[in-house]
Amino acid sequence: MDQTDRRILTALQANGRMKIADLAETVGLSATPCARRVANLEDRGIISGYSARVDQAEVGLPVTIFVAVELERQSTEALQAFEAAVRRFDQVMECYLMTGSRDILLRVVAKDLTDFDRFLEERLMRVSGIRNTRSSFTLRTMIKRTQLPLA
């Protein structure tokens, strides 16, 4: 990946709906080579997809909760079973395998505290193999970036 590819990625991170002609002009290429580079970045999995950024509060999901999960066992099978279970939960926006005393960190969205309580009781706590959970509610988002620093 060269500097031109990095410029393409930077531009597309800022505006994924940018037309190839505009992108080509932005990065200093003609349209055909630019389109080829974008296709190559997609084929290689460097560009993994395109999506719209949606304001979660505006769609009725203003609460963000980070849930640290400690599993009873850390075997490959236990991790795979946990991952398969939480993949089915739409409220789980991100799930990370962690180092330290907590095995898993989830980012969960909810309408309100009652909605989150329902998620915990009816969904998450029914996943087998969980030893302990600890939830932290965000008060406000101070920094939220969607663009990787590619320069």
Protein backbone atom coordinates (compact mmCIF):
# COMPACT_ATOMS: atom_id res chain seq x y z
CA MET A 1 0.00 0.00 0.00
CA ASP A 2 1.51 3.30 -1.08
CA GLN A 3 0.78 6.94 -0.26
CA THR A 4 -1.85 7.20 -3.00
CA ASP A 5 -3.75 4.27 -1.48
CA ARG A 6 -3.52 5.97 1.91
CA ARG A 7 -4.91 9.20 0.43
CA ILE A 8 -7.77 7.21 -1.12
CA LEU A 9 -8.54 5.57 2.22
CA THR A 10 -8.38 8.88 4.07
CA ALA A 11 -10.78 10.48 1.59
CA LEU A 12 -13.21 7.55 1.68
CA GLN A 13 -13.19 7.47 5.49
CA ALA A 14 -14.29 11.11 5.45
CA ASN A 15 -16.91 10.52 2.75
CA GLY A 16 -17.66 6.94 1.71
CA ARG A 17 -20.24 8.16 -0.83
CA MET A 18 -17.68 10.17 -2.78
CA LYS A 19 -17.96 9.61 -6.54
CA ILE A 20 -14.92 8.11 -8.24
CA ALA A 21 -14.41 11.27 -10.31
CA ASP A 22 -14.32 13.41 -7.16
CA LEU A 23 -12.12 10.90 -5.35
CA ALA A 24 -9.72 10.77 -8.28
CA GLU A 25 -9.44 14.55 -8.32
CA THR A 26 -8.90 14.62 -4.55
CA VAL A 27 -6.02 12.12 -4.70
CA GLY A 28 -4.50 13.33 -7.96
CA LEU A 29 -5.39 10.46 -10.30
CA SER A 30 -7.61 10.00 -13.31
CA ALA A 31 -10.86 8.11 -12.77
CA THR A 32 -9.89 4.71 -14.22
CA PRO A 33 -6.70 4.17 -12.20
CA CYS A 34 -8.48 5.48 -9.10
CA ALA A 35 -11.37 3.04 -9.59
CA ARG A 36 -8.84 0.22 -10.08
CA ARG A 37 -7.10 1.12 -6.82
CA VAL A 38 -10.39 1.25 -4.92
CA ALA A 39 -11.39 -2.16 -6.33
CA ASN A 40 -7.97 -3.54 -5.34
CA LEU A 41 -8.33 -2.17 -1.79
CA GLU A 42 -11.78 -3.80 -1.59
CA ASP A 43 -10.53 -7.12 -3.00
CA ARG A 44 -7.67 -7.21 -0.49
CA GLY A 45 -10.10 -6.57 2.38
CA ILE A 46 -8.49 -3.26 3.32
CA ILE A 47 -11.83 -1.62 2.56
CA SER A 48 -14.19 -4.01 4.30
CA GLY A 49 -17.44 -2.24 3.50
CA TYR A 50 -19.38 1.01 3.44
CA SER A 51 -22.01 2.22 5.87
CA ALA A 52 -23.83 5.29 7.13
CA ARG A 53 -22.99 6.71 10.56
CA VAL A 54 -26.26 6.97 12.46
CA ASP A 55 -26.75 9.09 15.57
CA GLN A 56 -27.82 6.52 18.15
CA ALA A 57 -29.67 9.05 20.31
CA GLU A 58 -31.69 10.27 17.34
CA VAL A 59 -32.92 6.72 16.67
CA GLY A 60 -33.96 6.13 20.29
CA LEU A 61 -30.84 4.40 21.66
CA PRO A 62 -29.15 7.15 23.70
CA VAL A 63 -27.59 4.94 26.38
CA THR A 64 -24.17 3.34 25.88
CA ILE A 65 -22.97 0.73 28.35
CA PHE A 66 -19.64 -1.04 28.52
CA VAL A 67 -20.02 -4.51 30.00
CA ALA A 68 -16.92 -6.35 31.20
CA VAL A 69 -17.52 -10.10 31.24
CA GLU A 70 -15.52 -12.70 33.12
CA LEU A 71 -15.99 -16.23 31.83
CA GLU A 72 -15.88 -19.39 33.92
CA ARG A 73 -13.40 -20.88 31.45
CA GLN A 74 -11.18 -19.30 28.81
CA SER A 75 -10.93 -22.31 26.50
CA THR A 76 -11.28 -21.91 22.77
CA GLU A 77 -14.64 -23.68 22.91
CA ALA A 78 -15.94 -21.40 25.68
CA LEU A 79 -14.86 -18.28 23.80
CA GLN A 80 -16.43 -19.51 20.56
CA ALA A 81 -19.70 -20.37 22.32
CA PHE A 82 -19.83 -16.95 23.99
CA GLU A 83 -19.08 -15.16 20.72
CA ALA A 84 -21.76 -17.12 18.87
CA ALA A 85 -24.31 -16.26 21.55
CA VAL A 86 -23.63 -12.51 21.67
CA ARG A 87 -23.55 -12.23 17.87
CA ARG A 88 -27.31 -12.78 18.03
CA PHE A 89 -27.83 -9.73 20.28
CA ASP A 90 -28.44 -6.62 18.18
CA GLN A 91 -27.77 -4.40 21.20
CA VAL A 92 -24.12 -5.54 21.26
CA MET A 93 -22.34 -3.13 18.96
CA GLU A 94 -18.79 -4.31 19.66
CA CYS A 95 -17.24 -7.28 21.44
CA TYR A 96 -13.55 -7.53 22.31
CA LEU A 97 -11.45 -10.32 23.78
CA MET A 98 -9.33 -8.63 26.45
CA THR A 99 -6.26 -9.21 28.57
CA GLY A 100 -6.40 -8.81 32.34
CA SER A 101 -9.06 -9.79 34.84
CA ARG A 102 -11.99 -9.33 32.46
CA ASP A 103 -12.13 -11.66 29.48
CA ILE A 104 -14.59 -9.81 27.27
CA LEU A 105 -15.59 -6.17 26.82
CA LEU A 106 -18.93 -5.40 25.18
CA ARG A 107 -20.28 -2.07 23.98
CA VAL A 108 -24.05 -2.21 24.31
CA VAL A 109 -26.71 0.34 23.34
CA ALA A 110 -30.11 0.72 24.97
CA LYS A 111 -33.19 2.95 25.04
CA ASP A 112 -32.97 3.45 28.81
CA LEU A 113 -32.01 1.67 32.04
CA THR A 114 -35.09 -0.55 31.93
CA ASP A 115 -34.22 -1.65 28.40
CA PHE A 116 -30.65 -2.46 29.50
CA ASP A 117 -31.92 -4.36 32.56
CA ARG A 118 -34.14 -6.43 30.26
CA PHE A 119 -31.15 -7.11 27.98
CA LEU A 120 -29.09 -8.29 30.96
CA GLU A 121 -31.75 -10.51 32.49
CA GLU A 122 -33.35 -11.94 29.37
CA ARG A 123 -30.37 -12.21 27.09
CA LEU A 124 -26.82 -11.78 28.37
CA MET A 125 -27.17 -13.54 31.73
CA ARG A 126 -28.72 -16.54 29.97
CA VAL A 127 -25.50 -17.16 28.06
CA SER A 128 -23.82 -20.15 29.65
CA GLY A 129 -20.29 -19.86 30.95
CA ILE A 130 -20.45 -16.34 32.40
CA ARG A 131 -18.92 -16.06 35.87
CA ASN A 132 -19.36 -12.33 36.43
CA THR A 133 -20.27 -9.06 34.69
CA ARG A 134 -19.58 -5.45 35.51
CA SER A 135 -21.39 -2.64 33.70
CA SER A 136 -20.27 0.97 33.26
CA PHE A 137 -22.64 3.56 31.86
CA THR A 138 -21.29 6.40 29.75
CA LEU A 139 -22.22 9.90 30.79
CA ARG A 140 -21.20 11.45 27.49
CA THR A 141 -18.96 10.72 24.54
CA MET A 142 -15.88 12.91 24.62
CA ILE A 143 -14.10 11.57 21.53
CA LYS A 144 -15.46 9.21 18.89
CA ARG A 145 -13.43 8.76 15.76
CA THR A 146 -14.38 6.80 12.70
CA GLN A 147 -11.27 7.61 10.69
CA LEU A 148 -8.01 5.76 11.20
CA PRO A 149 -4.87 7.96 11.21
CA LEU A 150 -3.30 6.91 7.89
CA ALA A 151 -1.02 9.88 7.21
